Amino acid sequence: MRPAGGIFSALLRIKPEQVTSINPNVKVNATVAYSIFGESYKWGDIEAPAVPEDFEFGKKFWELSTELLASGKVKVHRPAVNKYGAGLDGVLKGLAALKQGQVSGEKLVFTL
């Protein structure tokens, strides 16, 4: 992050101090889907209260996404199973291919 700050967003909740202790100008966000269930939850030592707005959003999103998938307006990526080999070696080769921009429009899946 630049000294002037920015936005740090993660898929898992972290304590904002872990980021702001390095740069106090950074805003910390987390995207955790648990809140769409309308209940409080605990992740490690972090307690998150229920967020009624997230629950309402979750209900609307579920209805909309169900319709979009059923109508074919939104499609999931086609799975490419073991395209770069099975096991962890295949995973490493797949990650290298991703970094090199060789993967597009598919979901890499590996059997272990």
PDB file of N, CA and C in Angstrom:
ATOM      1  N   MET A   1       0.837  -1.174   0.000  1.00  0.00           N
ATOM      2  CA  MET A   1       0.000   0.000   0.000  1.00  0.00           C
ATOM      3  C   MET A   1       0.889   1.247   0.000  1.00  0.00           C
ATOM      4  N   ARG A   2       0.422   2.201  -0.662  1.00  0.00           N
ATOM      5  CA  ARG A   2       1.163   3.465  -0.688  1.00  0.00           C
ATOM      6  C   ARG A   2       0.997   4.188   0.649  1.00  0.00           C
ATOM      7  N   PRO A   3       1.897   5.087   0.966  1.00  0.00           N
ATOM      8  CA  PRO A   3       1.813   5.793   2.259  1.00  0.00           C
ATOM      9  C   PRO A   3       0.499   6.539   2.459  1.00  0.00           C
ATOM     10  N   ALA A   4      -0.103   7.034   1.368  1.00  0.00           N
ATOM     11  CA  ALA A   4      -1.364   7.770   1.497  1.00  0.00           C
ATOM     12  C   ALA A   4      -2.527   6.857   1.854  1.00  0.00           C
ATOM     13  N   GLY A   5      -2.319   5.553   1.758  1.00  0.00           N
ATOM     14  CA  GLY A   5      -3.367   4.611   2.127  1.00  0.00           C
ATOM     15  C   GLY A   5      -3.946   3.883   0.943  1.00  0.00           C
ATOM     16  N   GLY A   6      -5.096   3.317   1.156  1.00  0.00           N
ATOM     17  CA  GLY A   6      -5.777   2.517   0.157  1.00  0.00           C
ATOM     18  C   GLY A   6      -6.794   1.645   0.855  1.00  0.00           C
ATOM     19  N   ILE A   7      -7.242   0.623   0.165  1.00  0.00           N
ATOM     20  CA  ILE A   7      -8.225  -0.301   0.735  1.00  0.00           C
ATOM     21  C   ILE A   7      -7.650  -1.709   0.694  1.00  0.00           C
ATOM     22  N   PHE A   8      -7.623  -2.368   1.837  1.00  0.00           N
ATOM     23  CA  PHE A   8      -7.214  -3.756   1.943  1.00  0.00           C
ATOM     24  C   PHE A   8      -8.482  -4.566   2.151  1.00  0.00           C
ATOM     25  N   SER A   9      -8.758  -5.498   1.241  1.00  0.00           N
ATOM     26  CA  SER A   9      -9.952  -6.328   1.353  1.00  0.00           C
ATOM     27  C   SER A   9      -9.544  -7.786   1.313  1.00  0.00           C
ATOM     28  N   ALA A  10     -10.072  -8.571   2.234  1.00  0.00           N
ATOM     29  CA  ALA A  10      -9.719  -9.983   2.334  1.00  0.00           C
ATOM     30  C   ALA A  10     -10.977 -10.837   2.373  1.00  0.00           C
ATOM     31  N   LEU A  11     -10.823 -12.112   2.053  1.00  0.00           N
ATOM     32  CA  LEU A  11     -11.953 -13.030   2.119  1.00  0.00           C
ATOM     33  C   LEU A  11     -12.201 -13.531   3.532  1.00  0.00           C
ATOM     34  N   LEU A  12     -11.225 -13.392   4.381  1.00  0.00           N
ATOM     35  CA  LEU A  12     -11.373 -13.785   5.773  1.00  0.00           C
ATOM     36  C   LEU A  12     -11.214 -12.555   6.653  1.00  0.00           C
ATOM     37  N   ARG A  13     -11.937 -12.534   7.745  1.00  0.00           N
ATOM     38  CA  ARG A  13     -11.824 -11.403   8.660  1.00  0.00           C
ATOM     39  C   ARG A  13     -10.464 -11.431   9.349  1.00  0.00           C
ATOM     40  N   ILE A  14      -9.875 -10.268   9.447  1.00  0.00           N
ATOM     41  CA  ILE A  14      -8.668 -10.112  10.247  1.00  0.00           C
ATOM     42  C   ILE A  14      -8.885  -8.904  11.135  1.00  0.00           C
ATOM     43  N   LYS A  15      -8.093  -8.794  12.162  1.00  0.00           N
ATOM     44  CA  LYS A  15      -8.192  -7.627  13.024  1.00  0.00           C
ATOM     45  C   LYS A  15      -7.631  -6.440  12.244  1.00  0.00           C
ATOM     46  N   PRO A  16      -8.380  -5.360  12.126  1.00  0.00           N
ATOM     47  CA  PRO A  16      -7.903  -4.193  11.371  1.00  0.00           C
ATOM     48  C   PRO A  16      -6.542  -3.696  11.841  1.00  0.00           C
ATOM     49  N   GLU A  17      -6.235  -3.858  13.143  1.00  0.00           N
ATOM     50  CA  GLU A  17      -4.953  -3.400  13.669  1.00  0.00           C
ATOM     51  C   GLU A  17      -3.769  -4.091  13.002  1.00  0.00           C
ATOM     52  N   GLN A  18      -3.992  -5.324  12.494  1.00  0.00           N
ATOM     53  CA  GLN A  18      -2.908  -6.026  11.824  1.00  0.00           C
ATOM     54  C   GLN A  18      -2.458  -5.271  10.576  1.00  0.00           C
ATOM     55  N   VAL A  19      -3.358  -4.538   9.964  1.00  0.00           N
ATOM     56  CA  VAL A  19      -3.028  -3.747   8.780  1.00  0.00           C
ATOM     57  C   VAL A  19      -2.703  -2.314   9.166  1.00  0.00           C
ATOM     58  N   THR A  20      -3.543  -1.730   9.990  1.00  0.00           N
ATOM     59  CA  THR A  20      -3.360  -0.310  10.321  1.00  0.00           C
ATOM     60  C   THR A  20      -2.118  -0.062  11.181  1.00  0.00           C
ATOM     61  N   SER A  21      -1.597  -1.084  11.842  1.00  0.00           N
ATOM     62  CA  SER A  21      -0.345  -0.902  12.588  1.00  0.00           C
ATOM     63  C   SER A  21       0.825  -0.694  11.629  1.00  0.00           C
ATOM     64  N   ILE A  22       0.692  -1.191  10.402  1.00  0.00           N
ATOM     65  CA  ILE A  22       1.716  -1.001   9.376  1.00  0.00           C
ATOM     66  C   ILE A  22       1.489   0.325   8.652  1.00  0.00           C
ATOM     67  N   ASN A  23       0.222   0.597   8.329  1.00  0.00           N
ATOM     68  CA  ASN A  23      -0.123   1.852   7.652  1.00  0.00           C
ATOM     69  C   ASN A  23      -1.500   2.286   8.149  1.00  0.00           C
ATOM     70  N   PRO A  24      -1.550   3.308   8.996  1.00  0.00           N
ATOM     71  CA  PRO A  24      -2.835   3.735   9.564  1.00  0.00           C
ATOM     72  C   PRO A  24      -3.782   4.364   8.542  1.00  0.00           C
ATOM     73  N   ASN A  25      -3.309   4.624   7.342  1.00  0.00           N
ATOM     74  CA  ASN A  25      -4.143   5.243   6.314  1.00  0.00           C
ATOM     75  C   ASN A  25      -4.898   4.226   5.456  1.00  0.00           C
ATOM     76  N   VAL A  26      -4.764   2.949   5.776  1.00  0.00           N
ATOM     77  CA  VAL A  26      -5.411   1.900   4.998  1.00  0.00           C
ATOM     78  C   VAL A  26      -6.746   1.536   5.627  1.00  0.00           C
ATOM     79  N   LYS A  27      -7.782   1.474   4.795  1.00  0.00           N
ATOM     80  CA  LYS A  27      -9.101   1.030   5.244  1.00  0.00           C
ATOM     81  C   LYS A  27      -9.158  -0.490   5.082  1.00  0.00           C
ATOM     82  N   VAL A  28      -9.659  -1.186   6.084  1.00  0.00           N
ATOM     83  CA  VAL A  28      -9.690  -2.648   6.077  1.00  0.00           C
ATOM     84  C   VAL A  28     -11.120  -3.142   5.883  1.00  0.00           C
ATOM     85  N   ASN A  29     -11.313  -3.996   4.884  1.00  0.00           N
ATOM     86  CA  ASN A  29     -12.617  -4.624   4.609  1.00  0.00           C
ATOM     87  C   ASN A  29     -12.456  -6.134   4.626  1.00  0.00           C
ATOM     88  N   ALA A  30     -13.543  -6.823   4.869  1.00  0.00           N
ATOM     89  CA  ALA A  30     -13.553  -8.280   4.762  1.00  0.00           C
ATOM     90  C   ALA A  30     -14.865  -8.699   4.118  1.00  0.00           C
ATOM     91  N   THR A  31     -14.792  -9.714   3.294  1.00  0.00           N
ATOM     92  CA  THR A  31     -15.979 -10.254   2.662  1.00  0.00           C
ATOM     93  C   THR A  31     -16.189 -11.656   3.216  1.00  0.00           C
ATOM     94  N   VAL A  32     -17.138 -11.787   4.105  1.00  0.00           N
ATOM     95  CA  VAL A  32     -17.421 -13.069   4.725  1.00  0.00           C
ATOM     96  C   VAL A  32     -18.901 -13.362   4.521  1.00  0.00           C
ATOM     97  N   ALA A  33     -19.215 -14.388   3.799  1.00  0.00           N
ATOM     98  CA  ALA A  33     -20.593 -14.674   3.425  1.00  0.00           C
ATOM     99  C   ALA A  33     -21.453 -15.176   4.580  1.00  0.00           C
ATOM    100  N   TYR A  34     -20.856 -15.522   5.704  1.00  0.00           N
ATOM    101  CA  TYR A  34     -21.643 -16.029   6.830  1.00  0.00           C
ATOM    102  C   TYR A  34     -22.733 -15.050   7.253  1.00  0.00           C
ATOM    103  N   SER A  35     -22.499 -13.766   7.067  1.00  0.00           N
ATOM    104  CA  SER A  35     -23.457 -12.770   7.548  1.00  0.00           C
ATOM    105  C   SER A  35     -24.792 -12.829   6.812  1.00  0.00           C
ATOM    106  N   ILE A  36     -24.841 -13.471   5.643  1.00  0.00           N
ATOM    107  CA  ILE A  36     -26.121 -13.535   4.919  1.00  0.00           C
ATOM    108  C   ILE A  36     -27.141 -14.446   5.586  1.00  0.00           C
ATOM    109  N   PHE A  37     -26.716 -15.217   6.586  1.00  0.00           N
ATOM    110  CA  PHE A  37     -27.642 -16.103   7.276  1.00  0.00           C
ATOM    111  C   PHE A  37     -28.411 -15.388   8.383  1.00  0.00           C
ATOM    112  N   GLY A  38     -28.061 -14.135   8.638  1.00  0.00           N
ATOM    113  CA  GLY A  38     -28.800 -13.347   9.612  1.00  0.00           C
ATOM    114  C   GLY A  38     -28.532 -13.707  11.059  1.00  0.00           C
ATOM    115  N   GLU A  39     -27.425 -14.370  11.320  1.00  0.00           N
ATOM    116  CA  GLU A  39     -27.083 -14.764  12.682  1.00  0.00           C
ATOM    117  C   GLU A  39     -25.678 -14.294  13.020  1.00  0.00           C
ATOM    118  N   SER A  40     -25.419 -14.082  14.293  1.00  0.00           N
ATOM    119  CA  SER A  40     -24.062 -13.748  14.708  1.00  0.00           C
ATOM    120  C   SER A  40     -23.204 -15.004  14.554  1.00  0.00           C
ATOM    121  N   TYR A  41     -21.900 -14.793  14.436  1.00  0.00           N
ATOM    122  CA  TYR A  41     -20.990 -15.930  14.329  1.00  0.00           C
ATOM    123  C   TYR A  41     -19.640 -15.536  14.903  1.00  0.00           C
ATOM    124  N   LYS A  42     -18.822 -16.533  15.134  1.00  0.00           N
ATOM    125  CA  LYS A  42     -17.492 -16.314  15.664  1.00  0.00           C
ATOM    126  C   LYS A  42     -16.493 -16.957  14.711  1.00  0.00           C
ATOM    127  N   TRP A  43     -15.450 -16.209  14.374  1.00  0.00           N
ATOM    128  CA  TRP A  43     -14.378 -16.708  13.505  1.00  0.00           C
ATOM    129  C   TRP A  43     -13.081 -16.511  14.278  1.00  0.00           C
ATOM    130  N   GLY A  44     -12.538 -17.597  14.817  1.00  0.00           N
ATOM    131  CA  GLY A  44     -11.371 -17.462  15.686  1.00  0.00           C
ATOM    132  C   GLY A  44     -11.765 -16.679  16.916  1.00  0.00           C
ATOM    133  N   ASP A  45     -11.037 -15.621  17.191  1.00  0.00           N
ATOM    134  CA  ASP A  45     -11.370 -14.805  18.365  1.00  0.00           C
ATOM    135  C   ASP A  45     -12.155 -13.551  17.984  1.00  0.00           C
ATOM    136  N   ILE A  46     -12.620 -13.498  16.745  1.00  0.00           N
ATOM    137  CA  ILE A  46     -13.400 -12.354  16.290  1.00  0.00           C
ATOM    138  C   ILE A  46     -14.883 -12.717  16.326  1.00  0.00           C
ATOM    139  N   GLU A  47     -15.666 -11.901  17.027  1.00  0.00           N
ATOM    140  CA  GLU A  47     -17.103 -12.123  17.094  1.00  0.00           C
ATOM    141  C   GLU A  47     -17.801 -11.116  16.190  1.00  0.00           C
ATOM    142  N   ALA A  48     -18.662 -11.602  15.321  1.00  0.00           N
ATOM    143  CA  ALA A  48     -19.380 -10.726  14.388  1.00  0.00           C
ATOM    144  C   ALA A  48     -20.866 -10.777  14.715  1.00  0.00           C
ATOM    145  N   PRO A  49     -21.485  -9.637  14.869  1.00  0.00           N
ATOM    146  CA  PRO A  49     -22.918  -9.605  15.174  1.00  0.00           C
ATOM    147  C   PRO A  49     -23.749  -9.910  13.928  1.00  0.00           C
ATOM    148  N   ALA A  50     -24.998 -10.254  14.136  1.00  0.00           N
ATOM    149  CA  ALA A  50     -25.926 -10.451  13.024  1.00  0.00           C
ATOM    150  C   ALA A  50     -26.122  -9.116  12.312  1.00  0.00           C
ATOM    151  N   VAL A  51     -26.219  -9.167  10.989  1.00  0.00           N
ATOM    152  CA  VAL A  51     -26.438  -7.953  10.201  1.00  0.00           C
ATOM    153  C   VAL A  51     -27.717  -8.169   9.386  1.00  0.00           C
ATOM    154  N   PRO A  52     -28.837  -7.643   9.842  1.00  0.00           N
ATOM    155  CA  PRO A  52     -30.115  -7.864   9.146  1.00  0.00           C
ATOM    156  C   PRO A  52     -30.082  -7.456   7.671  1.00  0.00           C
ATOM    157  N   GLU A  53     -29.337  -6.394   7.340  1.00  0.00           N
ATOM    158  CA  GLU A  53     -29.252  -5.951   5.944  1.00  0.00           C
ATOM    159  C   GLU A  53     -28.579  -7.014   5.076  1.00  0.00           C
ATOM    160  N   ASP A  54     -27.562  -7.698   5.611  1.00  0.00           N
ATOM    161  CA  ASP A  54     -26.891  -8.758   4.863  1.00  0.00           C
ATOM    162  C   ASP A  54     -27.829  -9.934   4.631  1.00  0.00           C
ATOM    163  N   PHE A  55     -28.670 -10.237   5.637  1.00  0.00           N
ATOM    164  CA  PHE A  55     -29.639 -11.325   5.494  1.00  0.00           C
ATOM    165  C   PHE A  55     -30.641 -11.009   4.381  1.00  0.00           C
ATOM    166  N   GLU A  56     -31.132  -9.781   4.352  1.00  0.00           N
ATOM    167  CA  GLU A  56     -32.073  -9.385   3.291  1.00  0.00           C
ATOM    168  C   GLU A  56     -31.400  -9.428   1.925  1.00  0.00           C
ATOM    169  N   PHE A  57     -30.150  -8.965   1.857  1.00  0.00           N
ATOM    170  CA  PHE A  57     -29.413  -9.031   0.606  1.00  0.00           C
ATOM    171  C   PHE A  57     -29.236 -10.483   0.162  1.00  0.00           C
ATOM    172  N   GLY A  58     -28.904 -11.353   1.113  1.00  0.00           N
ATOM    173  CA  GLY A  58     -28.704 -12.773   0.800  1.00  0.00           C
ATOM    174  C   GLY A  58     -29.948 -13.406   0.205  1.00  0.00           C
ATOM    175  N   LYS A  59     -31.111 -13.075   0.744  1.00  0.00           N
ATOM    176  CA  LYS A  59     -32.365 -13.626   0.204  1.00  0.00           C
ATOM    177  C   LYS A  59     -32.592 -13.144  -1.227  1.00  0.00           C
ATOM    178  N   LYS A  60     -32.376 -11.848  -1.465  1.00  0.00           N
ATOM    179  CA  LYS A  60     -32.564 -11.308  -2.817  1.00  0.00           C
ATOM    180  C   LYS A  60     -31.553 -11.898  -3.793  1.00  0.00           C
ATOM    181  N   PHE A  61     -30.302 -12.018  -3.344  1.00  0.00           N
ATOM    182  CA  PHE A  61     -29.255 -12.558  -4.208  1.00  0.00           C
ATOM    183  C   PHE A  61     -29.552 -14.008  -4.576  1.00  0.00           C
ATOM    184  N   TRP A  62     -30.030 -14.790  -3.611  1.00  0.00           N
ATOM    185  CA  TRP A  62     -30.353 -16.199  -3.858  1.00  0.00           C
ATOM    186  C   TRP A  62     -31.426 -16.315  -4.940  1.00  0.00           C
ATOM    187  N   GLU A  63     -32.480 -15.535  -4.815  1.00  0.00           N
ATOM    188  CA  GLU A  63     -33.566 -15.578  -5.795  1.00  0.00           C
ATOM    189  C   GLU A  63     -33.070 -15.152  -7.173  1.00  0.00           C
ATOM    190  N   LEU A  64     -32.344 -14.066  -7.236  1.00  0.00           N
ATOM    191  CA  LEU A  64     -31.847 -13.557  -8.509  1.00  0.00           C
ATOM    192  C   LEU A  64     -30.864 -14.524  -9.157  1.00  0.00           C
ATOM    193  N   SER A  65     -29.896 -15.022  -8.377  1.00  0.00           N
ATOM    194  CA  SER A  65     -28.893 -15.920  -8.957  1.00  0.00           C
ATOM    195  C   SER A  65     -29.515 -17.241  -9.398  1.00  0.00           C
ATOM    196  N   THR A  66     -30.503 -17.726  -8.669  1.00  0.00           N
ATOM    197  CA  THR A  66     -31.188 -18.959  -9.065  1.00  0.00           C
ATOM    198  C   THR A  66     -31.859 -18.779 -10.424  1.00  0.00           C
ATOM    199  N   GLU A  67     -32.524 -17.646 -10.603  1.00  0.00           N
ATOM    200  CA  GLU A  67     -33.190 -17.361 -11.881  1.00  0.00           C
ATOM    201  C   GLU A  67     -32.179 -17.201 -13.012  1.00  0.00           C
ATOM    202  N   LEU A  68     -31.092 -16.493 -12.759  1.00  0.00           N
ATOM    203  CA  LEU A  68     -30.089 -16.266 -13.800  1.00  0.00           C
ATOM    204  C   LEU A  68     -29.415 -17.567 -14.227  1.00  0.00           C
ATOM    205  N   LEU A  69     -29.113 -18.434 -13.278  1.00  0.00           N
ATOM    206  CA  LEU A  69     -28.503 -19.724 -13.623  1.00  0.00           C
ATOM    207  C   LEU A  69     -29.488 -20.623 -14.365  1.00  0.00           C
ATOM    208  N   ALA A  70     -30.732 -20.683 -13.880  1.00  0.00           N
ATOM    209  CA  ALA A  70     -31.743 -21.539 -14.513  1.00  0.00           C
ATOM    210  C   ALA A  70     -32.050 -21.090 -15.936  1.00  0.00           C
ATOM    211  N   SER A  71     -32.020 -19.795 -16.189  1.00  0.00           N
ATOM    212  CA  SER A  71     -32.337 -19.285 -17.519  1.00  0.00           C
ATOM    213  C   SER A  71     -31.150 -19.349 -18.477  1.00  0.00           C
ATOM    214  N   GLY A  72     -29.966 -19.662 -17.954  1.00  0.00           N
ATOM    215  CA  GLY A  72     -28.781 -19.717 -18.800  1.00  0.00           C
ATOM    216  C   GLY A  72     -28.144 -18.367 -19.056  1.00  0.00           C
ATOM    217  N   LYS A  73     -28.645 -17.322 -18.413  1.00  0.00           N
ATOM    218  CA  LYS A  73     -28.053 -15.991 -18.596  1.00  0.00           C
ATOM    219  C   LYS A  73     -26.693 -15.886 -17.922  1.00  0.00           C
ATOM    220  N   VAL A  74     -26.483 -16.677 -16.889  1.00  0.00           N
ATOM    221  CA  VAL A  74     -25.189 -16.763 -16.224  1.00  0.00           C
ATOM    222  C   VAL A  74     -24.780 -18.225 -16.241  1.00  0.00           C
ATOM    223  N   LYS A  75     -23.559 -18.473 -16.669  1.00  0.00           N
ATOM    224  CA  LYS A  75     -23.067 -19.844 -16.738  1.00  0.00           C
ATOM    225  C   LYS A  75     -21.790 -19.966 -15.914  1.00  0.00           C
ATOM    226  N   VAL A  76     -21.616 -21.117 -15.317  1.00  0.00           N
ATOM    227  CA  VAL A  76     -20.395 -21.369 -14.563  1.00  0.00           C
ATOM    228  C   VAL A  76     -19.284 -21.751 -15.527  1.00  0.00           C
ATOM    229  N   HIS A  77     -18.049 -21.567 -15.102  1.00  0.00           N
ATOM    230  CA  HIS A  77     -16.918 -21.972 -15.938  1.00  0.00           C
ATOM    231  C   HIS A  77     -16.919 -23.491 -16.096  1.00  0.00           C
ATOM    232  N   ARG A  78     -16.539 -23.954 -17.272  1.00  0.00           N
ATOM    233  CA  ARG A  78     -16.476 -25.404 -17.478  1.00  0.00           C
ATOM    234  C   ARG A  78     -15.298 -25.963 -16.669  1.00  0.00           C
ATOM    235  N   PRO A  79     -15.490 -27.107 -16.027  1.00  0.00           N
ATOM    236  CA  PRO A  79     -14.393 -27.681 -15.243  1.00  0.00           C
ATOM    237  C   PRO A  79     -13.356 -28.340 -16.150  1.00  0.00           C
ATOM    238  N   ALA A  80     -12.097 -28.133 -15.843  1.00  0.00           N
ATOM    239  CA  ALA A  80     -10.982 -28.793 -16.540  1.00  0.00           C
ATOM    240  C   ALA A  80     -10.298 -29.662 -15.495  1.00  0.00           C
ATOM    241  N   VAL A  81     -10.631 -30.944 -15.473  1.00  0.00           N
ATOM    242  CA  VAL A  81     -10.141 -31.859 -14.445  1.00  0.00           C
ATOM    243  C   VAL A  81      -8.764 -32.394 -14.828  1.00  0.00           C
ATOM    244  N   ASN A  82      -7.800 -32.165 -13.953  1.00  0.00           N
ATOM    245  CA  ASN A  82      -6.423 -32.641 -14.106  1.00  0.00           C
ATOM    246  C   ASN A  82      -5.778 -32.215 -15.427  1.00  0.00           C
ATOM    247  N   LYS A  83      -6.120 -31.050 -15.911  1.00  0.00           N
ATOM    248  CA  LYS A  83      -5.565 -30.540 -17.170  1.00  0.00           C
ATOM    249  C   LYS A  83      -4.035 -30.471 -17.115  1.00  0.00           C
ATOM    250  N   TYR A  84      -3.505 -30.172 -15.948  1.00  0.00           N
ATOM    251  CA  TYR A  84      -2.056 -30.061 -15.789  1.00  0.00           C
ATOM    252  C   TYR A  84      -1.479 -31.212 -14.975  1.00  0.00           C
ATOM    253  N   GLY A  85      -2.262 -32.264 -14.813  1.00  0.00           N
ATOM    254  CA  GLY A  85      -1.838 -33.440 -14.063  1.00  0.00           C
ATOM    255  C   GLY A  85      -2.593 -33.537 -12.750  1.00  0.00           C
ATOM    256  N   ALA A  86      -2.645 -34.742 -12.207  1.00  0.00           N
ATOM    257  CA  ALA A  86      -3.337 -34.969 -10.939  1.00  0.00           C
ATOM    258  C   ALA A  86      -2.413 -34.637  -9.776  1.00  0.00           C
ATOM    259  N   GLY A  87      -3.001 -34.486  -8.616  1.00  0.00           N
ATOM    260  CA  GLY A  87      -2.237 -34.296  -7.395  1.00  0.00           C
ATOM    261  C   GLY A  87      -1.676 -32.900  -7.245  1.00  0.00           C
ATOM    262  N   LEU A  88      -0.858 -32.747  -6.215  1.00  0.00           N
ATOM    263  CA  LEU A  88      -0.303 -31.430  -5.909  1.00  0.00           C
ATOM    264  C   LEU A  88       0.641 -30.931  -6.988  1.00  0.00           C
ATOM    265  N   ASP A  89       1.298 -31.839  -7.690  1.00  0.00           N
ATOM    266  CA  ASP A  89       2.156 -31.428  -8.803  1.00  0.00           C
ATOM    267  C   ASP A  89       1.317 -30.746  -9.887  1.00  0.00           C
ATOM    268  N   GLY A  90       0.146 -31.289 -10.155  1.00  0.00           N
ATOM    269  CA  GLY A  90      -0.760 -30.679 -11.119  1.00  0.00           C
ATOM    270  C   GLY A  90      -1.228 -29.313 -10.653  1.00  0.00           C
ATOM    271  N   VAL A  91      -1.473 -29.184  -9.345  1.00  0.00           N
ATOM    272  CA  VAL A  91      -1.899 -27.903  -8.787  1.00  0.00           C
ATOM    273  C   VAL A  91      -0.816 -26.853  -9.033  1.00  0.00           C
ATOM    274  N   LEU A  92       0.436 -27.210  -8.751  1.00  0.00           N
ATOM    275  CA  LEU A  92       1.539 -26.267  -8.952  1.00  0.00           C
ATOM    276  C   LEU A  92       1.662 -25.863 -10.417  1.00  0.00           C
ATOM    277  N   LYS A  93       1.529 -26.845 -11.316  1.00  0.00           N
ATOM    278  CA  LYS A  93       1.596 -26.532 -12.750  1.00  0.00           C
ATOM    279  C   LYS A  93       0.410 -25.659 -13.171  1.00  0.00           C
ATOM    280  N   GLY A  94      -0.753 -25.924 -12.593  1.00  0.00           N
ATOM    281  CA  GLY A  94      -1.933 -25.120 -12.892  1.00  0.00           C
ATOM    282  C   GLY A  94      -1.770 -23.688 -12.409  1.00  0.00           C
ATOM    283  N   LEU A  95      -1.201 -23.511 -11.217  1.00  0.00           N
ATOM    284  CA  LEU A  95      -0.957 -22.166 -10.700  1.00  0.00           C
ATOM    285  C   LEU A  95       0.034 -21.409 -11.582  1.00  0.00           C
ATOM    286  N   ALA A  96       1.050 -22.123 -12.059  1.00  0.00           N
ATOM    287  CA  ALA A  96       2.021 -21.491 -12.962  1.00  0.00           C
ATOM    288  C   ALA A  96       1.328 -21.055 -14.252  1.00  0.00           C
ATOM    289  N   ALA A  97       0.432 -21.896 -14.765  1.00  0.00           N
ATOM    290  CA  ALA A  97      -0.309 -21.547 -15.981  1.00  0.00           C
ATOM    291  C   ALA A  97      -1.194 -20.330 -15.752  1.00  0.00           C
ATOM    292  N   LEU A  98      -1.813 -20.246 -14.570  1.00  0.00           N
ATOM    293  CA  LEU A  98      -2.624 -19.074 -14.236  1.00  0.00           C
ATOM    294  C   LEU A  98      -1.769 -17.809 -14.237  1.00  0.00           C
ATOM    295  N   LYS A  99      -0.606 -17.882 -13.612  1.00  0.00           N
ATOM    296  CA  LYS A  99       0.280 -16.728 -13.541  1.00  0.00           C
ATOM    297  C   LYS A  99       0.730 -16.282 -14.927  1.00  0.00           C
ATOM    298  N   GLN A 100       0.868 -17.227 -15.832  1.00  0.00           N
ATOM    299  CA  GLN A 100       1.328 -16.916 -17.193  1.00  0.00           C
ATOM    300  C   GLN A 100       0.178 -16.539 -18.117  1.00  0.00           C
ATOM    301  N   GLY A 101      -1.042 -16.484 -17.571  1.00  0.00           N
ATOM    302  CA  GLY A 101      -2.192 -16.081 -18.371  1.00  0.00           C
ATOM    303  C   GLY A 101      -2.651 -17.132 -19.372  1.00  0.00           C
ATOM    304  N   GLN A 102      -2.342 -18.389 -19.095  1.00  0.00           N
ATOM    305  CA  GLN A 102      -2.696 -19.470 -20.016  1.00  0.00           C
ATOM    306  C   GLN A 102      -4.042 -20.120 -19.711  1.00  0.00           C
ATOM    307  N   VAL A 103      -4.726 -19.651 -18.671  1.00  0.00           N
ATOM    308  CA  VAL A 103      -6.009 -20.232 -18.286  1.00  0.00           C
ATOM    309  C   VAL A 103      -7.091 -19.177 -18.476  1.00  0.00           C
ATOM    310  N   SER A 104      -8.135 -19.542 -19.199  1.00  0.00           N
ATOM    311  CA  SER A 104      -9.223 -18.602 -19.432  1.00  0.00           C
ATOM    312  C   SER A 104     -10.525 -19.361 -19.625  1.00  0.00           C
ATOM    313  N   GLY A 105     -11.568 -18.929 -18.940  1.00  0.00           N
ATOM    314  CA  GLY A 105     -12.895 -19.498 -19.138  1.00  0.00           C
ATOM    315  C   GLY A 105     -13.064 -20.921 -18.661  1.00  0.00           C
ATOM    316  N   GLU A 106     -12.248 -21.342 -17.713  1.00  0.00           N
ATOM    317  CA  GLU A 106     -12.384 -22.696 -17.177  1.00  0.00           C
ATOM    318  C   GLU A 106     -12.005 -22.707 -15.708  1.00  0.00           C
ATOM    319  N   LYS A 107     -12.505 -23.700 -15.008  1.00  0.00           N
ATOM    320  CA  LYS A 107     -12.202 -23.873 -13.592  1.00  0.00           C
ATOM    321  C   LYS A 107     -11.282 -25.064 -13.464  1.00  0.00           C
ATOM    322  N   LEU A 108     -10.087 -24.815 -12.984  1.00  0.00           N
ATOM    323  CA  LEU A 108      -9.128 -25.908 -12.834  1.00  0.00           C
ATOM    324  C   LEU A 108      -9.510 -26.748 -11.612  1.00  0.00           C
ATOM    325  N   VAL A 109      -9.628 -28.048 -11.813  1.00  0.00           N
ATOM    326  CA  VAL A 109     -10.000 -28.991 -10.768  1.00  0.00           C
ATOM    327  C   VAL A 109      -8.943 -30.089 -10.746  1.00  0.00           C
ATOM    328  N   PHE A 110      -8.494 -30.449  -9.565  1.00  0.00           N
ATOM    329  CA  PHE A 110      -7.454 -31.467  -9.440  1.00  0.00           C
ATOM    330  C   PHE A 110      -7.891 -32.551  -8.465  1.00  0.00           C
ATOM    331  N   THR A 111      -7.609 -33.796  -8.799  1.00  0.00           N
ATOM    332  CA  THR A 111      -7.865 -34.896  -7.881  1.00  0.00           C
ATOM    333  C   THR A 111      -6.590 -35.162  -7.097  1.00  0.00           C
ATOM    334  N   LEU A 112      -6.765 -35.422  -5.829  1.00  0.00           N
ATOM    335  CA  LEU A 112      -5.598 -35.669  -4.962  1.00  0.00           C
ATOM    336  C   LEU A 112      -5.519 -37.119  -4.575  1.00  0.00           C
TER     337      LEU A 112
END
